[in-house]
Amino acid sequence: MTFIVTDACVKCKLTDCVIVCPVDCFYEGENFLAINPDECIDCGVCVPECPIDAIKPDTEDTPDGKWLAINTEYSAKWPRITKKKPHAPDWELYKDQTGKFEAYFSPEPGAGD
């Protein structure tokens, strides 16, 4: 089992989770974070740190493995992030929305550390 970042992260991209990761397996996109499933050691310390419950075990992925595939693809393209960054000023407007990936996801990389 590995952990994956899901739809809830889009447009929120809170970084509380990255500072507790012992293996630095988070990668930053413009408006989403991804976990590299090959680097994740399945410790789960990031899960309770996410205030919007966006991190799930891959056993809770969609039947087609959508989120595992997204995390795998974008963690290979984006820069690593290991430091907490300020929250986006409008993240609370998006925190309870669903379907954010299809509506707002950007494949552009973030700044990284």
PDB file of N, CA and C in Angstrom:
ATOM      1  N   MET A   1       0.841  -1.181   0.000  1.00  0.00           N
ATOM      2  CA  MET A   1       0.000   0.000   0.000  1.00  0.00           C
ATOM      3  C   MET A   1       0.885   1.244   0.000  1.00  0.00           C
ATOM      4  N   THR A   2       0.439   2.244  -0.708  1.00  0.00           N
ATOM      5  CA  THR A   2       1.089   3.549  -0.702  1.00  0.00           C
ATOM      6  C   THR A   2       0.007   4.593  -0.477  1.00  0.00           C
ATOM      7  N   PHE A   3       0.406   5.803  -0.273  1.00  0.00           N
ATOM      8  CA  PHE A   3      -0.562   6.881  -0.100  1.00  0.00           C
ATOM      9  C   PHE A   3      -0.602   7.731  -1.364  1.00  0.00           C
ATOM     10  N   ILE A   4      -1.762   8.310  -1.619  1.00  0.00           N
ATOM     11  CA  ILE A   4      -1.980   9.112  -2.820  1.00  0.00           C
ATOM     12  C   ILE A   4      -2.708  10.393  -2.445  1.00  0.00           C
ATOM     13  N   VAL A   5      -2.471  11.420  -3.229  1.00  0.00           N
ATOM     14  CA  VAL A   5      -3.178  12.686  -3.065  1.00  0.00           C
ATOM     15  C   VAL A   5      -4.362  12.642  -4.032  1.00  0.00           C
ATOM     16  N   THR A   6      -5.513  13.116  -3.568  1.00  0.00           N
ATOM     17  CA  THR A   6      -6.737  13.015  -4.346  1.00  0.00           C
ATOM     18  C   THR A   6      -7.334  14.397  -4.668  1.00  0.00           C
ATOM     19  N   ASP A   7      -8.498  14.366  -5.260  1.00  0.00           N
ATOM     20  CA  ASP A   7      -9.213  15.548  -5.751  1.00  0.00           C
ATOM     21  C   ASP A   7      -9.271  16.712  -4.760  1.00  0.00           C
ATOM     22  N   ALA A   8      -9.414  16.421  -3.483  1.00  0.00           N
ATOM     23  CA  ALA A   8      -9.564  17.484  -2.482  1.00  0.00           C
ATOM     24  C   ALA A   8      -8.392  18.459  -2.471  1.00  0.00           C
ATOM     25  N   CYS A   9      -7.238  18.031  -2.918  1.00  0.00           N
ATOM     26  CA  CYS A   9      -6.041  18.884  -2.898  1.00  0.00           C
ATOM     27  C   CYS A   9      -6.072  19.983  -3.963  1.00  0.00           C
ATOM     28  N   VAL A  10      -6.741  19.736  -5.061  1.00  0.00           N
ATOM     29  CA  VAL A  10      -6.749  20.696  -6.172  1.00  0.00           C
ATOM     30  C   VAL A  10      -7.291  22.039  -5.698  1.00  0.00           C
ATOM     31  N   LYS A  11      -6.570  23.099  -6.019  1.00  0.00           N
ATOM     32  CA  LYS A  11      -6.897  24.488  -5.672  1.00  0.00           C
ATOM     33  C   LYS A  11      -6.750  24.784  -4.184  1.00  0.00           C
ATOM     34  N   CYS A  12      -6.409  23.803  -3.382  1.00  0.00           N
ATOM     35  CA  CYS A  12      -6.142  24.047  -1.965  1.00  0.00           C
ATOM     36  C   CYS A  12      -4.640  23.958  -1.718  1.00  0.00           C
ATOM     37  N   LYS A  13      -4.044  22.845  -2.145  1.00  0.00           N
ATOM     38  CA  LYS A  13      -2.598  22.617  -2.080  1.00  0.00           C
ATOM     39  C   LYS A  13      -1.995  23.080  -0.755  1.00  0.00           C
ATOM     40  N   LEU A  14      -2.582  22.622   0.321  1.00  0.00           N
ATOM     41  CA  LEU A  14      -2.032  22.927   1.639  1.00  0.00           C
ATOM     42  C   LEU A  14      -0.789  22.062   1.828  1.00  0.00           C
ATOM     43  N   THR A  15       0.234  22.600   2.421  1.00  0.00           N
ATOM     44  CA  THR A  15       1.515  21.889   2.485  1.00  0.00           C
ATOM     45  C   THR A  15       1.881  21.416   3.890  1.00  0.00           C
ATOM     46  N   ASP A  16       0.913  21.323   4.764  1.00  0.00           N
ATOM     47  CA  ASP A  16       1.173  20.825   6.112  1.00  0.00           C
ATOM     48  C   ASP A  16       1.760  19.412   6.081  1.00  0.00           C
ATOM     49  N   CYS A  17       1.353  18.636   5.098  1.00  0.00           N
ATOM     50  CA  CYS A  17       1.767  17.236   4.978  1.00  0.00           C
ATOM     51  C   CYS A  17       3.237  17.069   4.611  1.00  0.00           C
ATOM     52  N   VAL A  18       3.785  17.973   3.832  1.00  0.00           N
ATOM     53  CA  VAL A  18       5.132  17.747   3.310  1.00  0.00           C
ATOM     54  C   VAL A  18       6.213  17.823   4.383  1.00  0.00           C
ATOM     55  N   ILE A  19       5.987  18.620   5.409  1.00  0.00           N
ATOM     56  CA  ILE A  19       7.044  18.787   6.414  1.00  0.00           C
ATOM     57  C   ILE A  19       7.193  17.593   7.344  1.00  0.00           C
ATOM     58  N   VAL A  20       6.194  16.713   7.381  1.00  0.00           N
ATOM     59  CA  VAL A  20       6.298  15.539   8.247  1.00  0.00           C
ATOM     60  C   VAL A  20       6.776  14.294   7.508  1.00  0.00           C
ATOM     61  N   CYS A  21       6.866  14.362   6.201  1.00  0.00           N
ATOM     62  CA  CYS A  21       7.244  13.189   5.411  1.00  0.00           C
ATOM     63  C   CYS A  21       8.729  12.850   5.647  1.00  0.00           C
ATOM     64  N   PRO A  22       9.005  11.650   6.169  1.00  0.00           N
ATOM     65  CA  PRO A  22      10.398  11.296   6.464  1.00  0.00           C
ATOM     66  C   PRO A  22      11.241  10.987   5.226  1.00  0.00           C
ATOM     67  N   VAL A  23      10.609  10.786   4.066  1.00  0.00           N
ATOM     68  CA  VAL A  23      11.363  10.454   2.860  1.00  0.00           C
ATOM     69  C   VAL A  23      11.188  11.486   1.741  1.00  0.00           C
ATOM     70  N   ASP A  24      10.553  12.603   2.049  1.00  0.00           N
ATOM     71  CA  ASP A  24      10.400  13.697   1.081  1.00  0.00           C
ATOM     72  C   ASP A  24       9.852  13.223  -0.265  1.00  0.00           C
ATOM     73  N   CYS A  25       8.690  12.583  -0.233  1.00  0.00           N
ATOM     74  CA  CYS A  25       8.134  12.025  -1.464  1.00  0.00           C
ATOM     75  C   CYS A  25       7.005  12.864  -2.072  1.00  0.00           C
ATOM     76  N   PHE A  26       6.905  14.136  -1.666  1.00  0.00           N
ATOM     77  CA  PHE A  26       5.892  15.032  -2.229  1.00  0.00           C
ATOM     78  C   PHE A  26       6.486  15.876  -3.347  1.00  0.00           C
ATOM     79  N   TYR A  27       5.652  16.115  -4.351  1.00  0.00           N
ATOM     80  CA  TYR A  27       6.049  16.908  -5.514  1.00  0.00           C
ATOM     81  C   TYR A  27       4.986  17.962  -5.755  1.00  0.00           C
ATOM     82  N   GLU A  28       5.424  19.142  -6.198  1.00  0.00           N
ATOM     83  CA  GLU A  28       4.529  20.291  -6.264  1.00  0.00           C
ATOM     84  C   GLU A  28       4.161  20.702  -7.677  1.00  0.00           C
ATOM     85  N   GLY A  29       2.860  20.735  -7.913  1.00  0.00           N
ATOM     86  CA  GLY A  29       2.327  21.308  -9.130  1.00  0.00           C
ATOM     87  C   GLY A  29       1.816  22.710  -8.846  1.00  0.00           C
ATOM     88  N   GLU A  30       1.335  23.360  -9.869  1.00  0.00           N
ATOM     89  CA  GLU A  30       0.826  24.718  -9.714  1.00  0.00           C
ATOM     90  C   GLU A  30      -0.312  24.790  -8.691  1.00  0.00           C
ATOM     91  N   ASN A  31      -1.224  23.797  -8.703  1.00  0.00           N
ATOM     92  CA  ASN A  31      -2.343  23.856  -7.762  1.00  0.00           C
ATOM     93  C   ASN A  31      -2.689  22.493  -7.152  1.00  0.00           C
ATOM     94  N   PHE A  32      -1.689  21.603  -7.046  1.00  0.00           N
ATOM     95  CA  PHE A  32      -1.906  20.242  -6.557  1.00  0.00           C
ATOM     96  C   PHE A  32      -0.575  19.677  -6.094  1.00  0.00           C
ATOM     97  N   LEU A  33      -0.606  18.791  -5.127  1.00  0.00           N
ATOM     98  CA  LEU A  33       0.587  18.058  -4.709  1.00  0.00           C
ATOM     99  C   LEU A  33       0.434  16.601  -5.139  1.00  0.00           C
ATOM    100  N   ALA A  34       1.539  15.940  -5.365  1.00  0.00           N
ATOM    101  CA  ALA A  34       1.519  14.519  -5.716  1.00  0.00           C
ATOM    102  C   ALA A  34       2.525  13.789  -4.841  1.00  0.00           C
ATOM    103  N   ILE A  35       2.217  12.548  -4.544  1.00  0.00           N
ATOM    104  CA  ILE A  35       3.127  11.667  -3.810  1.00  0.00           C
ATOM    105  C   ILE A  35       3.720  10.680  -4.802  1.00  0.00           C
ATOM    106  N   ASN A  36       5.032  10.510  -4.750  1.00  0.00           N
ATOM    107  CA  ASN A  36       5.665   9.493  -5.587  1.00  0.00           C
ATOM    108  C   ASN A  36       5.451   8.141  -4.904  1.00  0.00           C
ATOM    109  N   PRO A  37       4.648   7.270  -5.508  1.00  0.00           N
ATOM    110  CA  PRO A  37       4.339   5.993  -4.853  1.00  0.00           C
ATOM    111  C   PRO A  37       5.543   5.060  -4.717  1.00  0.00           C
ATOM    112  N   ASP A  38       6.557   5.246  -5.524  1.00  0.00           N
ATOM    113  CA  ASP A  38       7.767   4.420  -5.405  1.00  0.00           C
ATOM    114  C   ASP A  38       8.653   4.882  -4.254  1.00  0.00           C
ATOM    115  N   GLU A  39       8.490   6.106  -3.835  1.00  0.00           N
ATOM    116  CA  GLU A  39       9.289   6.649  -2.728  1.00  0.00           C
ATOM    117  C   GLU A  39       8.560   6.574  -1.388  1.00  0.00           C
ATOM    118  N   CYS A  40       7.251   6.567  -1.428  1.00  0.00           N
ATOM    119  CA  CYS A  40       6.436   6.526  -0.209  1.00  0.00           C
ATOM    120  C   CYS A  40       6.726   5.237   0.552  1.00  0.00           C
ATOM    121  N   ILE A  41       6.973   5.368   1.847  1.00  0.00           N
ATOM    122  CA  ILE A  41       7.257   4.181   2.668  1.00  0.00           C
ATOM    123  C   ILE A  41       6.023   3.727   3.445  1.00  0.00           C
ATOM    124  N   ASP A  42       4.886   4.262   3.104  1.00  0.00           N
ATOM    125  CA  ASP A  42       3.608   3.828   3.673  1.00  0.00           C
ATOM    126  C   ASP A  42       3.490   4.069   5.178  1.00  0.00           C
ATOM    127  N   CYS A  43       4.154   5.085   5.678  1.00  0.00           N
ATOM    128  CA  CYS A  43       4.114   5.334   7.118  1.00  0.00           C
ATOM    129  C   CYS A  43       2.820   6.020   7.546  1.00  0.00           C
ATOM    130  N   GLY A  44       2.224   6.808   6.659  1.00  0.00           N
ATOM    131  CA  GLY A  44       0.956   7.454   6.961  1.00  0.00           C
ATOM    132  C   GLY A  44       1.014   8.692   7.829  1.00  0.00           C
ATOM    133  N   VAL A  45       2.204   9.187   8.151  1.00  0.00           N
ATOM    134  CA  VAL A  45       2.266  10.366   9.028  1.00  0.00           C
ATOM    135  C   VAL A  45       1.693  11.623   8.360  1.00  0.00           C
ATOM    136  N   CYS A  46       1.635  11.636   7.052  1.00  0.00           N
ATOM    137  CA  CYS A  46       1.096  12.790   6.330  1.00  0.00           C
ATOM    138  C   CYS A  46      -0.426  12.865   6.404  1.00  0.00           C
ATOM    139  N   VAL A  47      -1.076  11.732   6.559  1.00  0.00           N
ATOM    140  CA  VAL A  47      -2.542  11.667   6.489  1.00  0.00           C
ATOM    141  C   VAL A  47      -3.215  12.584   7.514  1.00  0.00           C
ATOM    142  N   PRO A  48      -2.894  12.502   8.796  1.00  0.00           N
ATOM    143  CA  PRO A  48      -3.581  13.375   9.754  1.00  0.00           C
ATOM    144  C   PRO A  48      -3.180  14.847   9.646  1.00  0.00           C
ATOM    145  N   GLU A  49      -2.092  15.120   8.958  1.00  0.00           N
ATOM    146  CA  GLU A  49      -1.643  16.505   8.804  1.00  0.00           C
ATOM    147  C   GLU A  49      -2.431  17.267   7.745  1.00  0.00           C
ATOM    148  N   CYS A  50      -3.124  16.558   6.872  1.00  0.00           N
ATOM    149  CA  CYS A  50      -3.874  17.204   5.799  1.00  0.00           C
ATOM    150  C   CYS A  50      -5.214  17.688   6.344  1.00  0.00           C
ATOM    151  N   PRO A  51      -5.411  19.008   6.429  1.00  0.00           N
ATOM    152  CA  PRO A  51      -6.650  19.528   7.015  1.00  0.00           C
ATOM    153  C   PRO A  51      -7.892  19.326   6.150  1.00  0.00           C
ATOM    154  N   ILE A  52      -7.709  18.883   4.901  1.00  0.00           N
ATOM    155  CA  ILE A  52      -8.861  18.685   4.019  1.00  0.00           C
ATOM    156  C   ILE A  52      -9.041  17.226   3.625  1.00  0.00           C
ATOM    157  N   ASP A  53      -8.327  16.337   4.272  1.00  0.00           N
ATOM    158  CA  ASP A  53      -8.479  14.894   4.056  1.00  0.00           C
ATOM    159  C   ASP A  53      -8.249  14.491   2.593  1.00  0.00           C
ATOM    160  N   ALA A  54      -7.214  15.060   1.984  1.00  0.00           N
ATOM    161  CA  ALA A  54      -6.918  14.785   0.570  1.00  0.00           C
ATOM    162  C   ALA A  54      -5.988  13.598   0.361  1.00  0.00           C
ATOM    163  N   ILE A  55      -5.383  13.099   1.417  1.00  0.00           N
ATOM    164  CA  ILE A  55      -4.430  11.992   1.293  1.00  0.00           C
ATOM    165  C   ILE A  55      -5.100  10.707   1.752  1.00  0.00           C
ATOM    166  N   LYS A  56      -5.054   9.714   0.875  1.00  0.00           N
ATOM    167  CA  LYS A  56      -5.726   8.437   1.132  1.00  0.00           C
ATOM    168  C   LYS A  56      -4.774   7.286   0.825  1.00  0.00           C
ATOM    169  N   PRO A  57      -5.005   6.120   1.420  1.00  0.00           N
ATOM    170  CA  PRO A  57      -4.250   4.936   1.001  1.00  0.00           C
ATOM    171  C   PRO A  57      -4.700   4.551  -0.408  1.00  0.00           C
ATOM    172  N   ASP A  58      -3.803   3.978  -1.182  1.00  0.00           N
ATOM    173  CA  ASP A  58      -4.176   3.617  -2.550  1.00  0.00           C
ATOM    174  C   ASP A  58      -5.271   2.551  -2.599  1.00  0.00           C
ATOM    175  N   THR A  59      -5.511   1.890  -1.483  1.00  0.00           N
ATOM    176  CA  THR A  59      -6.615   0.925  -1.428  1.00  0.00           C
ATOM    177  C   THR A  59      -7.975   1.617  -1.494  1.00  0.00           C
ATOM    178  N   GLU A  60      -8.002   2.933  -1.304  1.00  0.00           N
ATOM    179  CA  GLU A  60      -9.243   3.707  -1.402  1.00  0.00           C
ATOM    180  C   GLU A  60      -9.332   4.466  -2.724  1.00  0.00           C
ATOM    181  N   ASP A  61      -8.460   4.148  -3.664  1.00  0.00           N
ATOM    182  CA  ASP A  61      -8.469   4.767  -4.987  1.00  0.00           C
ATOM    183  C   ASP A  61      -9.715   4.330  -5.756  1.00  0.00           C
ATOM    184  N   THR A  62      -9.977   4.997  -6.861  1.00  0.00           N
ATOM    185  CA  THR A  62     -11.078   4.603  -7.735  1.00  0.00           C
ATOM    186  C   THR A  62     -10.760   3.218  -8.322  1.00  0.00           C
ATOM    187  N   PRO A  63     -11.774   2.502  -8.780  1.00  0.00           N
ATOM    188  CA  PRO A  63     -11.522   1.156  -9.330  1.00  0.00           C
ATOM    189  C   PRO A  63     -10.511   1.132 -10.482  1.00  0.00           C
ATOM    190  N   ASP A  64     -10.438   2.214 -11.251  1.00  0.00           N
ATOM    191  CA  ASP A  64      -9.494   2.242 -12.370  1.00  0.00           C
ATOM    192  C   ASP A  64      -8.105   2.753 -11.969  1.00  0.00           C
ATOM    193  N   GLY A  65      -7.902   3.041 -10.679  1.00  0.00           N
ATOM    194  CA  GLY A  65      -6.593   3.501 -10.213  1.00  0.00           C
ATOM    195  C   GLY A  65      -6.238   4.913 -10.655  1.00  0.00           C
ATOM    196  N   LYS A  66      -7.238   5.726 -10.880  1.00  0.00           N
ATOM    197  CA  LYS A  66      -7.042   7.094 -11.383  1.00  0.00           C
ATOM    198  C   LYS A  66      -6.028   7.892 -10.567  1.00  0.00           C
ATOM    199  N   TRP A  67      -6.186   7.922  -9.248  1.00  0.00           N
ATOM    200  CA  TRP A  67      -5.323   8.782  -8.430  1.00  0.00           C
ATOM    201  C   TRP A  67      -3.905   8.242  -8.306  1.00  0.00           C
ATOM    202  N   LEU A  68      -3.752   6.947  -8.282  1.00  0.00           N
ATOM    203  CA  LEU A  68      -2.403   6.378  -8.281  1.00  0.00           C
ATOM    204  C   LEU A  68      -1.692   6.746  -9.581  1.00  0.00           C
ATOM    205  N   ALA A  69      -2.391   6.670 -10.698  1.00  0.00           N
ATOM    206  CA  ALA A  69      -1.790   7.039 -11.988  1.00  0.00           C
ATOM    207  C   ALA A  69      -1.431   8.514 -12.036  1.00  0.00           C
ATOM    208  N   ILE A  70      -2.296   9.365 -11.524  1.00  0.00           N
ATOM    209  CA  ILE A  70      -2.023  10.817 -11.515  1.00  0.00           C
ATOM    210  C   ILE A  70      -0.825  11.118 -10.636  1.00  0.00           C
ATOM    211  N   ASN A  71      -0.780  10.537  -9.433  1.00  0.00           N
ATOM    212  CA  ASN A  71       0.357  10.765  -8.541  1.00  0.00           C
ATOM    213  C   ASN A  71       1.654  10.260  -9.158  1.00  0.00           C
ATOM    214  N   THR A  72       1.608   9.106  -9.791  1.00  0.00           N
ATOM    215  CA  THR A  72       2.798   8.536 -10.432  1.00  0.00           C
ATOM    216  C   THR A  72       3.280   9.446 -11.558  1.00  0.00           C
ATOM    217  N   GLU A  73       2.374   9.862 -12.418  1.00  0.00           N
ATOM    218  CA  GLU A  73       2.744  10.697 -13.566  1.00  0.00           C
ATOM    219  C   GLU A  73       3.330  12.040 -13.145  1.00  0.00           C
ATOM    220  N   TYR A  74       2.649  12.742 -12.268  1.00  0.00           N
ATOM    221  CA  TYR A  74       3.085  14.102 -11.957  1.00  0.00           C
ATOM    222  C   TYR A  74       4.232  14.162 -10.959  1.00  0.00           C
ATOM    223  N   SER A  75       4.384  13.164 -10.115  1.00  0.00           N
ATOM    224  CA  SER A  75       5.557  13.172  -9.228  1.00  0.00           C
ATOM    225  C   SER A  75       6.837  12.960 -10.036  1.00  0.00           C
ATOM    226  N   ALA A  76       6.720  12.403 -11.221  1.00  0.00           N
ATOM    227  CA  ALA A  76       7.885  12.232 -12.095  1.00  0.00           C
ATOM    228  C   ALA A  76       8.215  13.504 -12.875  1.00  0.00           C
ATOM    229  N   LYS A  77       7.278  14.433 -12.955  1.00  0.00           N
ATOM    230  CA  LYS A  77       7.459  15.651 -13.759  1.00  0.00           C
ATOM    231  C   LYS A  77       7.710  16.904 -12.930  1.00  0.00           C
ATOM    232  N   TRP A  78       7.193  16.930 -11.722  1.00  0.00           N
ATOM    233  CA  TRP A  78       7.223  18.152 -10.915  1.00  0.00           C
ATOM    234  C   TRP A  78       8.395  18.169  -9.945  1.00  0.00           C
ATOM    235  N   PRO A  79       8.748  19.363  -9.434  1.00  0.00           N
ATOM    236  CA  PRO A  79       9.835  19.462  -8.457  1.00  0.00           C
ATOM    237  C   PRO A  79       9.413  18.972  -7.067  1.00  0.00           C
ATOM    238  N   ARG A  80      10.389  18.442  -6.379  1.00  0.00           N
ATOM    239  CA  ARG A  80      10.175  17.967  -5.001  1.00  0.00           C
ATOM    240  C   ARG A  80       9.889  19.175  -4.099  1.00  0.00           C
ATOM    241  N   ILE A  81       9.030  18.958  -3.126  1.00  0.00           N
ATOM    242  CA  ILE A  81       8.753  19.985  -2.120  1.00  0.00           C
ATOM    243  C   ILE A  81       8.943  19.364  -0.743  1.00  0.00           C
ATOM    244  N   THR A  82       9.684  20.055   0.121  1.00  0.00           N
ATOM    245  CA  THR A  82       9.945  19.548   1.467  1.00  0.00           C
ATOM    246  C   THR A  82       9.624  20.576   2.538  1.00  0.00           C
ATOM    247  N   LYS A  83       9.241  21.775   2.118  1.00  0.00           N
ATOM    248  CA  LYS A  83       8.980  22.856   3.068  1.00  0.00           C
ATOM    249  C   LYS A  83       7.536  23.311   2.989  1.00  0.00           C
ATOM    250  N   LYS A  84       7.012  23.695   4.139  1.00  0.00           N
ATOM    251  CA  LYS A  84       5.656  24.224   4.192  1.00  0.00           C
ATOM    252  C   LYS A  84       5.646  25.606   3.555  1.00  0.00           C
ATOM    253  N   LYS A  85       4.593  25.880   2.809  1.00  0.00           N
ATOM    254  CA  LYS A  85       4.428  27.186   2.169  1.00  0.00           C
ATOM    255  C   LYS A  85       3.140  27.812   2.694  1.00  0.00           C
ATOM    256  N   PRO A  86       3.017  29.114   2.570  1.00  0.00           N
ATOM    257  CA  PRO A  86       1.770  29.754   3.019  1.00  0.00           C
ATOM    258  C   PRO A  86       0.582  29.217   2.228  1.00  0.00           C
ATOM    259  N   HIS A  87      -0.549  29.113   2.912  1.00  0.00           N
ATOM    260  CA  HIS A  87      -1.772  28.666   2.247  1.00  0.00           C
ATOM    261  C   HIS A  87      -2.182  29.679   1.192  1.00  0.00           C
ATOM    262  N   ALA A  88      -2.777  29.189   0.109  1.00  0.00           N
ATOM    263  CA  ALA A  88      -3.342  30.086  -0.895  1.00  0.00           C
ATOM    264  C   ALA A  88      -4.449  30.887  -0.203  1.00  0.00           C
ATOM    265  N   PRO A  89      -4.558  32.165  -0.491  1.00  0.00           N
ATOM    266  CA  PRO A  89      -5.532  32.992   0.222  1.00  0.00           C
ATOM    267  C   PRO A  89      -6.987  32.564   0.016  1.00  0.00           C
ATOM    268  N   ASP A  90      -7.274  31.893  -1.075  1.00  0.00           N
ATOM    269  CA  ASP A  90      -8.657  31.508  -1.366  1.00  0.00           C
ATOM    270  C   ASP A  90      -8.929  30.017  -1.218  1.00  0.00           C
ATOM    271  N   TRP A  91      -8.051  29.273  -0.565  1.00  0.00           N
ATOM    272  CA  TRP A  91      -8.204  27.825  -0.480  1.00  0.00           C
ATOM    273  C   TRP A  91      -9.519  27.406   0.163  1.00  0.00           C
ATOM    274  N   GLU A  92     -10.007  28.183   1.126  1.00  0.00           N
ATOM    275  CA  GLU A  92     -11.236  27.804   1.819  1.00  0.00           C
ATOM    276  C   GLU A  92     -12.467  27.856   0.906  1.00  0.00           C
ATOM    277  N   LEU A  93     -12.393  28.628  -0.159  1.00  0.00           N
ATOM    278  CA  LEU A  93     -13.497  28.686  -1.119  1.00  0.00           C
ATOM    279  C   LEU A  93     -13.656  27.361  -1.864  1.00  0.00           C
ATOM    280  N   TYR A  94     -12.564  26.609  -1.975  1.00  0.00           N
ATOM    281  CA  TYR A  94     -12.546  25.368  -2.764  1.00  0.00           C
ATOM    282  C   TYR A  94     -12.560  24.097  -1.931  1.00  0.00           C
ATOM    283  N   LYS A  95     -12.324  24.192  -0.631  1.00  0.00           N
ATOM    284  CA  LYS A  95     -12.079  22.997   0.191  1.00  0.00           C
ATOM    285  C   LYS A  95     -13.199  21.969   0.184  1.00  0.00           C
ATOM    286  N   ASP A  96     -14.431  22.380   0.015  1.00  0.00           N
ATOM    287  CA  ASP A  96     -15.540  21.428   0.068  1.00  0.00           C
ATOM    288  C   ASP A  96     -16.086  21.048  -1.307  1.00  0.00           C
ATOM    289  N   GLN A  97     -15.502  21.568  -2.353  1.00  0.00           N
ATOM    290  CA  GLN A  97     -15.961  21.252  -3.702  1.00  0.00           C
ATOM    291  C   GLN A  97     -15.499  19.843  -4.109  1.00  0.00           C
ATOM    292  N   THR A  98     -16.251  19.226  -4.973  1.00  0.00           N
ATOM    293  CA  THR A  98     -15.863  17.946  -5.566  1.00  0.00           C
ATOM    294  C   THR A  98     -15.678  18.169  -7.061  1.00  0.00           C
ATOM    295  N   GLY A  99     -15.034  17.227  -7.725  1.00  0.00           N
ATOM    296  CA  GLY A  99     -14.803  17.354  -9.161  1.00  0.00           C
ATOM    297  C   GLY A  99     -13.811  18.441  -9.516  1.00  0.00           C
ATOM    298  N   LYS A 100     -12.945  18.774  -8.578  1.00  0.00           N
ATOM    299  CA  LYS A 100     -11.997  19.868  -8.801  1.00  0.00           C
ATOM    300  C   LYS A 100     -10.923  19.510  -9.824  1.00  0.00           C
ATOM    301  N   PHE A 101     -10.549  18.228  -9.887  1.00  0.00           N
ATOM    302  CA  PHE A 101      -9.511  17.849 -10.844  1.00  0.00           C
ATOM    303  C   PHE A 101      -9.948  18.189 -12.266  1.00  0.00           C
ATOM    304  N   GLU A 102     -11.136  17.777 -12.622  1.00  0.00           N
ATOM    305  CA  GLU A 102     -11.642  18.040 -13.975  1.00  0.00           C
ATOM    306  C   GLU A 102     -11.873  19.533 -14.216  1.00  0.00           C
ATOM    307  N   ALA A 103     -12.239  20.265 -13.186  1.00  0.00           N
ATOM    308  CA  ALA A 103     -12.559  21.686 -13.343  1.00  0.00           C
ATOM    309  C   ALA A 103     -11.349  22.611 -13.283  1.00  0.00           C
ATOM    310  N   TYR A 104     -10.361  22.283 -12.434  1.00  0.00           N
ATOM    311  CA  TYR A 104      -9.305  23.258 -12.151  1.00  0.00           C
ATOM    312  C   TYR A 104      -7.863  22.774 -12.275  1.00  0.00           C
ATOM    313  N   PHE A 105      -7.635  21.486 -12.355  1.00  0.00           N
ATOM    314  CA  PHE A 105      -6.269  20.966 -12.311  1.00  0.00           C
ATOM    315  C   PHE A 105      -5.369  21.605 -13.365  1.00  0.00           C
ATOM    316  N   SER A 106      -4.159  21.948 -12.937  1.00  0.00           N
ATOM    317  CA  SER A 106      -3.136  22.453 -13.851  1.00  0.00           C
ATOM    318  C   SER A 106      -1.970  21.475 -13.873  1.00  0.00           C
ATOM    319  N   PRO A 107      -1.525  21.055 -15.066  1.00  0.00           N
ATOM    320  CA  PRO A 107      -0.379  20.162 -15.150  1.00  0.00           C
ATOM    321  C   PRO A 107       0.956  20.886 -15.003  1.00  0.00           C
ATOM    322  N   GLU A 108       0.909  22.194 -14.873  1.00  0.00           N
ATOM    323  CA  GLU A 108       2.144  22.982 -14.743  1.00  0.00           C
ATOM    324  C   GLU A 108       2.835  22.703 -13.430  1.00  0.00           C
ATOM    325  N   PRO A 109       4.151  22.704 -13.426  1.00  0.00           N
ATOM    326  CA  PRO A 109       4.878  22.475 -12.171  1.00  0.00           C
ATOM    327  C   PRO A 109       4.775  23.663 -11.235  1.00  0.00           C
ATOM    328  N   GLY A 110       4.948  23.378  -9.948  1.00  0.00           N
ATOM    329  CA  GLY A 110       5.046  24.430  -8.953  1.00  0.00           C
ATOM    330  C   GLY A 110       6.492  24.867  -8.851  1.00  0.00           C
ATOM    331  N   ALA A 111       6.760  25.676  -7.853  1.00  0.00           N
ATOM    332  CA  ALA A 111       8.107  26.223  -7.682  1.00  0.00           C
ATOM    333  C   ALA A 111       9.056  25.251  -6.996  1.00  0.00           C
ATOM    334  N   GLY A 112       8.512  24.282  -6.261  1.00  0.00           N
ATOM    335  CA  GLY A 112       9.389  23.404  -5.474  1.00  0.00           C
ATOM    336  C   GLY A 112      10.010  24.174  -4.342  1.00  0.00           C
ATOM    337  N   ASP A 113      11.072  23.602  -3.770  1.00  0.00           N
ATOM    338  CA  ASP A 113      11.716  24.286  -2.625  1.00  0.00           C
ATOM    339  C   ASP A 113      12.471  25.499  -3.025  1.00  0.00           C
TER     340      ASP A 113
END
